[in-house]
Amino acid sequence: MTNQDIGIIKEAVSVLIGKPLTDLDRARAMIVADFGDLVETDVVQRNEYGESVRDEKGRLVYTKGMRGRYALQALCSMRFTCGDDIIFASDDILLPSTRVASRSDFDWQTFNWGIEGNNSFDELVARHFIGGFGDYIVKDATVSRHGDLTILFENDFVLELFSNYSRNDENWCLYEIGTDNALTVLGNGVEER
């Protein structure tokens, strides 16, 4: 990363300061965090198993829904911490939830982590945010020389993204819903739209 890239990233993430976290979810292995006022937008329709709905031609089916104005998509490693405790991390997606792991017929060979609620990540996020997101206001957002992002919340929780691609691959992306404004942090720089 160049100093110019880091400056661009710092400027882009500064819009999150003072904004509330409004959702934290995933789309397959990509973590998605929404921030800011809620806006209506098209969202992918999901079935009762949390899987994306597709039409007869295989295209995604969309419906209207509410999302935070700013979306942060992480394809890289992430963790959510408070003090010395890791509350949850991205690789928890690959582990079975307590409910799934405790079944007498559980089998690693047939375990489907992609189904909503089947994995430890979904379970831990649901358990942690059971009361909602109201206490998570962004206090600060810092960027390392490698494009790692650290978001500090006023309640002392921290969301960390770790760039783990070294080439022209996407680590994370920040964009504004309903606009073409987006910043993608790659292993070797940034892309702006």
Protein backbone atom coordinates (compact mmCIF):
# COMPACT_ATOMS: atom_id res chain seq x y z
CA MET A 1 0.00 0.00 0.00
CA THR A 2 1.19 3.48 -0.75
CA ASN A 3 0.76 6.44 1.59
CA GLN A 4 -1.74 7.81 -0.94
CA ASP A 5 -3.77 4.56 -0.74
CA ILE A 6 -3.82 4.75 3.07
CA GLY A 7 -4.95 8.38 2.89
CA ILE A 8 -7.79 7.45 0.53
CA ILE A 9 -8.90 4.63 2.86
CA LYS A 10 -8.77 6.88 5.95
CA GLU A 11 -10.89 9.51 4.23
CA ALA A 12 -13.45 6.93 3.07
CA VAL A 13 -13.89 5.26 6.48
CA SER A 14 -14.17 8.62 8.27
CA VAL A 15 -17.85 8.72 7.20
CA LEU A 16 -18.51 5.93 9.73
CA ILE A 17 -17.49 7.99 12.77
CA GLY A 18 -20.56 8.82 14.86
CA LYS A 19 -22.73 6.36 12.91
CA PRO A 20 -24.51 3.43 14.56
CA LEU A 21 -23.95 -0.18 13.58
CA THR A 22 -27.36 -1.23 12.26
CA ASP A 23 -26.75 -4.84 11.20
CA LEU A 24 -24.08 -7.51 11.07
CA ASP A 25 -24.72 -10.52 8.88
CA ARG A 26 -23.12 -12.63 6.20
CA ALA A 27 -23.70 -13.70 2.63
CA ARG A 28 -22.05 -17.12 2.44
CA ALA A 29 -18.52 -16.43 3.79
CA MET A 30 -18.62 -12.64 3.25
CA ILE A 31 -19.29 -10.64 6.41
CA VAL A 32 -21.53 -7.59 5.91
CA ALA A 33 -21.83 -4.77 8.47
CA ASP A 34 -24.26 -1.90 7.92
CA PHE A 35 -23.83 1.54 9.48
CA GLY A 36 -25.85 4.77 9.58
CA ASP A 37 -29.45 5.74 9.04
CA LEU A 38 -31.69 3.09 7.51
CA VAL A 39 -32.55 3.46 3.84
CA GLU A 40 -34.86 1.39 1.66
CA THR A 41 -33.12 -0.65 -1.00
CA ASP A 42 -33.35 -3.90 -2.94
CA VAL A 43 -32.18 -6.91 -0.93
CA VAL A 44 -31.83 -10.53 -1.98
CA GLN A 45 -34.88 -12.57 -0.99
CA ARG A 46 -34.08 -15.54 1.27
CA ASN A 47 -35.96 -18.77 1.89
CA GLU A 48 -36.69 -20.30 5.31
CA TYR A 49 -33.15 -21.77 5.40
CA GLY A 50 -31.48 -18.40 4.82
CA GLU A 51 -30.46 -19.32 1.28
CA SER A 52 -30.76 -16.84 -1.59
CA VAL A 53 -33.88 -17.33 -3.73
CA ARG A 54 -33.37 -17.69 -7.49
CA ASP A 55 -35.88 -17.67 -10.34
CA GLU A 56 -36.24 -20.41 -12.96
CA LYS A 57 -33.32 -18.90 -14.96
CA GLY A 58 -31.01 -18.91 -11.93
CA ARG A 59 -31.14 -15.15 -11.35
CA LEU A 60 -31.35 -13.79 -7.80
CA VAL A 61 -34.80 -12.62 -6.68
CA TYR A 62 -34.89 -9.23 -4.95
CA THR A 63 -37.37 -7.60 -2.60
CA LYS A 64 -37.50 -4.22 -0.80
CA GLY A 65 -35.80 -4.00 2.59
CA MET A 66 -34.08 -1.61 4.97
CA ARG A 67 -30.29 -1.37 5.34
CA GLY A 68 -27.83 1.02 6.91
CA ARG A 69 -26.66 3.75 4.54
CA TYR A 70 -23.05 2.44 4.54
CA ALA A 71 -22.18 -1.20 3.94
CA LEU A 72 -18.86 -2.78 4.82
CA GLN A 73 -18.23 -6.12 3.10
CA ALA A 74 -15.36 -8.23 4.40
CA LEU A 75 -13.93 -11.10 2.38
CA CYS A 76 -10.83 -11.08 4.56
CA SER A 77 -10.41 -12.29 8.13
CA MET A 78 -12.32 -10.38 10.79
CA ARG A 79 -12.98 -10.51 14.48
CA PHE A 80 -15.25 -8.73 16.94
CA THR A 81 -13.69 -8.20 20.37
CA CYS A 82 -14.13 -6.55 23.72
CA GLY A 83 -11.11 -6.24 25.99
CA ASP A 84 -9.29 -9.59 26.06
CA ASP A 85 -12.27 -11.53 24.67
CA ILE A 86 -12.90 -12.53 21.06
CA ILE A 87 -16.70 -12.49 20.82
CA PHE A 88 -16.76 -14.03 17.33
CA ALA A 89 -14.55 -14.22 14.25
CA SER A 90 -14.94 -14.98 10.55
CA ASP A 91 -13.74 -18.60 10.73
CA ASP A 92 -16.60 -19.37 13.15
CA ILE A 93 -18.64 -19.65 9.93
CA LEU A 94 -16.96 -23.00 9.26
CA LEU A 95 -17.86 -24.50 12.65
CA PRO A 96 -21.23 -26.04 13.50
CA SER A 97 -23.59 -24.26 15.86
CA THR A 98 -24.17 -25.82 19.27
CA ARG A 99 -27.57 -27.07 18.07
CA VAL A 100 -26.14 -28.73 14.96
CA ALA A 101 -23.04 -30.18 16.65
CA SER A 102 -25.11 -31.75 19.44
CA ARG A 103 -27.32 -33.76 17.07
CA SER A 104 -26.69 -37.49 17.29
CA ASP A 105 -26.54 -37.71 13.48
CA PHE A 106 -24.03 -34.83 13.03
CA ASP A 107 -21.50 -35.63 10.31
CA TRP A 108 -18.65 -33.33 9.21
CA GLN A 109 -18.90 -34.77 5.69
CA THR A 110 -22.46 -33.49 5.23
CA PHE A 111 -22.25 -30.36 7.42
CA ASN A 112 -23.57 -27.36 5.44
CA TRP A 113 -22.21 -24.21 7.08
CA GLY A 114 -23.89 -22.04 4.43
CA ILE A 115 -27.39 -22.56 5.80
CA GLU A 116 -28.35 -19.68 8.08
CA GLY A 117 -28.19 -20.74 11.73
CA ASN A 118 -26.18 -23.90 11.07
CA ASN A 119 -22.81 -22.41 11.99
CA SER A 120 -21.21 -20.99 15.10
CA PHE A 121 -20.84 -17.49 13.58
CA ASP A 122 -24.60 -17.13 13.06
CA GLU A 123 -25.24 -18.45 16.56
CA LEU A 124 -22.72 -16.11 18.23
CA VAL A 125 -23.88 -13.02 16.32
CA ALA A 126 -27.53 -13.74 17.16
CA ARG A 127 -26.69 -14.34 20.82
CA HIS A 128 -24.52 -11.23 21.13
CA PHE A 129 -26.89 -8.82 19.36
CA ILE A 130 -30.12 -10.24 20.82
CA GLY A 131 -30.96 -6.79 22.24
CA GLY A 132 -30.22 -5.01 18.97
CA PHE A 133 -27.44 -2.73 17.82
CA GLY A 134 -28.35 0.48 19.69
CA ASP A 135 -25.19 0.58 21.83
CA TYR A 136 -22.75 0.35 18.91
CA ILE A 137 -21.82 3.86 17.79
CA VAL A 138 -18.54 4.24 15.88
CA LYS A 139 -16.04 6.21 17.96
CA ASP A 140 -13.07 5.90 15.62
CA ALA A 141 -11.85 4.05 12.52
CA THR A 142 -8.15 3.47 11.93
CA VAL A 143 -6.22 1.93 9.06
CA SER A 144 -2.86 0.13 9.17
CA ARG A 145 -0.17 0.44 6.51
CA HIS A 146 -1.42 -2.87 5.06
CA GLY A 147 -5.06 -1.79 4.73
CA ASP A 148 -6.28 -3.49 7.92
CA LEU A 149 -9.32 -1.69 9.35
CA THR A 150 -10.08 -1.26 13.05
CA ILE A 151 -13.45 0.18 14.06
CA LEU A 152 -13.73 1.25 17.71
CA PHE A 153 -17.20 1.59 19.20
CA GLU A 154 -18.15 3.91 22.07
CA ASN A 155 -19.00 0.86 24.24
CA ASP A 156 -15.40 -0.48 23.97
CA PHE A 157 -16.17 -3.21 21.42
CA VAL A 158 -13.89 -3.41 18.38
CA LEU A 159 -14.44 -4.75 14.84
CA GLU A 160 -11.16 -5.64 13.11
CA LEU A 161 -10.60 -6.56 9.47
CA PHE A 162 -7.26 -8.10 8.49
CA SER A 163 -6.12 -7.87 4.89
CA ASN A 164 -5.11 -11.39 3.95
CA TYR A 165 -4.75 -11.15 0.17
CA SER A 166 -1.40 -9.99 -1.18
CA ARG A 167 -2.27 -9.31 -4.80
CA ASN A 168 -5.04 -7.67 -6.73
CA ASP A 169 -7.76 -9.47 -4.74
CA GLU A 170 -10.49 -7.84 -2.66
CA ASN A 171 -10.00 -7.78 1.11
CA TRP A 172 -12.89 -5.49 1.99
CA CYS A 173 -15.16 -2.90 0.45
CA LEU A 174 -17.05 0.11 1.83
CA TYR A 175 -19.90 1.56 -0.19
CA GLU A 176 -22.88 3.84 0.18
CA ILE A 177 -26.26 2.21 -0.48
CA GLY A 178 -28.08 3.61 -3.50
CA THR A 179 -25.00 5.30 -4.98
CA ASP A 180 -22.01 4.32 -7.07
CA ASN A 181 -19.64 5.47 -4.30
CA ALA A 182 -17.42 2.54 -3.29
CA LEU A 183 -13.91 1.92 -2.07
CA THR A 184 -12.40 -1.54 -2.45
CA VAL A 185 -9.25 -2.38 -0.53
CA LEU A 186 -7.10 -4.88 -2.41
CA GLY A 187 -3.97 -6.67 -1.33
CA ASN A 188 -1.86 -4.24 -3.33
CA GLY A 189 -3.84 -0.98 -3.34
CA VAL A 190 -7.33 0.45 -3.65
CA GLU A 191 -10.03 0.85 -6.28
CA GLU A 192 -12.51 3.73 -6.16
CA ARG A 193 -15.83 4.13 -7.92
